Amino acid sequence: MPQLDTSTWFITIMSMIMTLFIVFQLKISKYLYLSSPEPKSMITLKQLNPWEKKWTKIYSPLSLPQQ
């Protein structure tokens, strides 16, 4: 039974680790990180709903005149 040649394993493993490191560095460098994040303004614009544009009155059955 022949012996397994392990002379190239070190170079193979080291090149694989370096390649993975470079690939991950390139992937991470694509993201844009803000150096100093600024808080968003808390001013909110009031949205007008359709029922707020005009005056409406809701009549409850108890407030109607009796017949």
C-alpha atoms as a PDB file:
ATOM      1  CA  MET A   1       0.000   0.000   0.000  1.00  0.00           C
ATOM      2  CA  PRO A   2       1.613   3.318  -1.053  1.00  0.00           C
ATOM      3  CA  GLN A   3       2.114   6.128   1.409  1.00  0.00           C
ATOM      4  CA  LEU A   4       0.168   9.342   1.112  1.00  0.00           C
ATOM      5  CA  ASP A   5       2.262  12.266  -0.120  1.00  0.00           C
ATOM      6  CA  THR A   6       1.644  15.175   2.256  1.00  0.00           C
ATOM      7  CA  SER A   7       4.419  17.459   1.044  1.00  0.00           C
ATOM      8  CA  THR A   8       2.009  19.842  -0.742  1.00  0.00           C
ATOM      9  CA  TRP A   9      -0.601  20.006   1.998  1.00  0.00           C
ATOM     10  CA  PHE A  10       0.955  22.972   3.780  1.00  0.00           C
ATOM     11  CA  ILE A  11       1.018  25.120   0.641  1.00  0.00           C
ATOM     12  CA  THR A  12      -2.525  24.057  -0.277  1.00  0.00           C
ATOM     13  CA  ILE A  13      -3.952  24.840   3.159  1.00  0.00           C
ATOM     14  CA  MET A  14      -2.125  28.175   3.454  1.00  0.00           C
ATOM     15  CA  SER A  15      -3.213  29.315   0.000  1.00  0.00           C
ATOM     16  CA  MET A  16      -6.806  28.318   0.806  1.00  0.00           C
ATOM     17  CA  ILE A  17      -6.747  30.326   4.040  1.00  0.00           C
ATOM     18  CA  MET A  18      -5.270  33.363   2.308  1.00  0.00           C
ATOM     19  CA  THR A  19      -7.803  33.138  -0.504  1.00  0.00           C
ATOM     20  CA  LEU A  20     -10.692  32.948   1.968  1.00  0.00           C
ATOM     21  CA  PHE A  21      -9.313  35.909   3.878  1.00  0.00           C
ATOM     22  CA  ILE A  22      -9.016  38.004   0.718  1.00  0.00           C
ATOM     23  CA  VAL A  23     -12.511  37.041  -0.455  1.00  0.00           C
ATOM     24  CA  PHE A  24     -14.049  37.969   2.887  1.00  0.00           C
ATOM     25  CA  GLN A  25     -12.147  41.248   2.986  1.00  0.00           C
ATOM     26  CA  LEU A  26     -13.466  42.127  -0.444  1.00  0.00           C
ATOM     27  CA  LYS A  27     -17.015  41.226   0.564  1.00  0.00           C
ATOM     28  CA  ILE A  28     -16.846  43.267   3.753  1.00  0.00           C
ATOM     29  CA  SER A  29     -15.295  46.279   2.019  1.00  0.00           C
ATOM     30  CA  LYS A  30     -18.354  46.614  -0.241  1.00  0.00           C
ATOM     31  CA  TYR A  31     -20.527  47.709   2.680  1.00  0.00           C
ATOM     32  CA  LEU A  32     -20.782  51.407   3.428  1.00  0.00           C
ATOM     33  CA  TYR A  33     -20.497  52.195   7.123  1.00  0.00           C
ATOM     34  CA  LEU A  34     -21.325  55.672   8.350  1.00  0.00           C
ATOM     35  CA  SER A  35     -18.519  57.112  10.422  1.00  0.00           C
ATOM     36  CA  SER A  36     -20.802  59.177  12.649  1.00  0.00           C
ATOM     37  CA  PRO A  37     -24.485  58.335  12.455  1.00  0.00           C
ATOM     38  CA  GLU A  38     -26.795  61.297  12.858  1.00  0.00           C
ATOM     39  CA  PRO A  39     -30.169  61.056  14.570  1.00  0.00           C
ATOM     40  CA  LYS A  40     -33.177  61.415  12.357  1.00  0.00           C
ATOM     41  CA  SER A  41     -35.315  64.477  12.823  1.00  0.00           C
ATOM     42  CA  MET A  42     -38.344  63.869  14.973  1.00  0.00           C
ATOM     43  CA  ILE A  43     -40.562  66.307  13.065  1.00  0.00           C
ATOM     44  CA  THR A  44     -43.466  64.384  11.634  1.00  0.00           C
ATOM     45  CA  LEU A  45     -45.765  65.725   9.006  1.00  0.00           C
ATOM     46  CA  LYS A  46     -49.425  65.443   9.815  1.00  0.00           C
ATOM     47  CA  GLN A  47     -51.239  63.343   7.267  1.00  0.00           C
ATOM     48  CA  LEU A  48     -54.775  64.434   6.554  1.00  0.00           C
ATOM     49  CA  ASN A  49     -57.210  61.568   6.452  1.00  0.00           C
ATOM     50  CA  PRO A  50     -60.276  61.824   4.245  1.00  0.00           C
ATOM     51  CA  TRP A  51     -62.560  62.125   7.260  1.00  0.00           C
ATOM     52  CA  GLU A  52     -60.480  65.007   8.673  1.00  0.00           C
ATOM     53  CA  LYS A  53     -60.890  67.212   5.603  1.00  0.00           C
ATOM     54  CA  LYS A  54     -64.530  67.991   6.210  1.00  0.00           C
ATOM     55  CA  TRP A  55     -66.753  68.355   9.234  1.00  0.00           C
ATOM     56  CA  THR A  56     -68.843  65.327   9.974  1.00  0.00           C
ATOM     57  CA  LYS A  57     -71.268  64.590  12.730  1.00  0.00           C
ATOM     58  CA  ILE A  58     -72.198  61.156  13.930  1.00  0.00           C
ATOM     59  CA  TYR A  59     -75.703  60.797  15.279  1.00  0.00           C
ATOM     60  CA  SER A  60     -76.181  58.235  17.950  1.00  0.00           C
ATOM     61  CA  PRO A  61     -79.636  56.645  18.090  1.00  0.00           C
ATOM     62  CA  LEU A  62     -80.235  57.955  21.613  1.00  0.00           C
ATOM     63  CA  SER A  63     -79.649  61.594  20.641  1.00  0.00           C
ATOM     64  CA  LEU A  64     -82.207  61.539  17.791  1.00  0.00           C
ATOM     65  CA  PRO A  65     -85.629  62.985  18.536  1.00  0.00           C
ATOM     66  CA  GLN A  66     -88.155  60.428  19.493  1.00  0.00           C
ATOM     67  CA  GLN A  67     -90.951  59.726  17.055  1.00  0.00           C
END
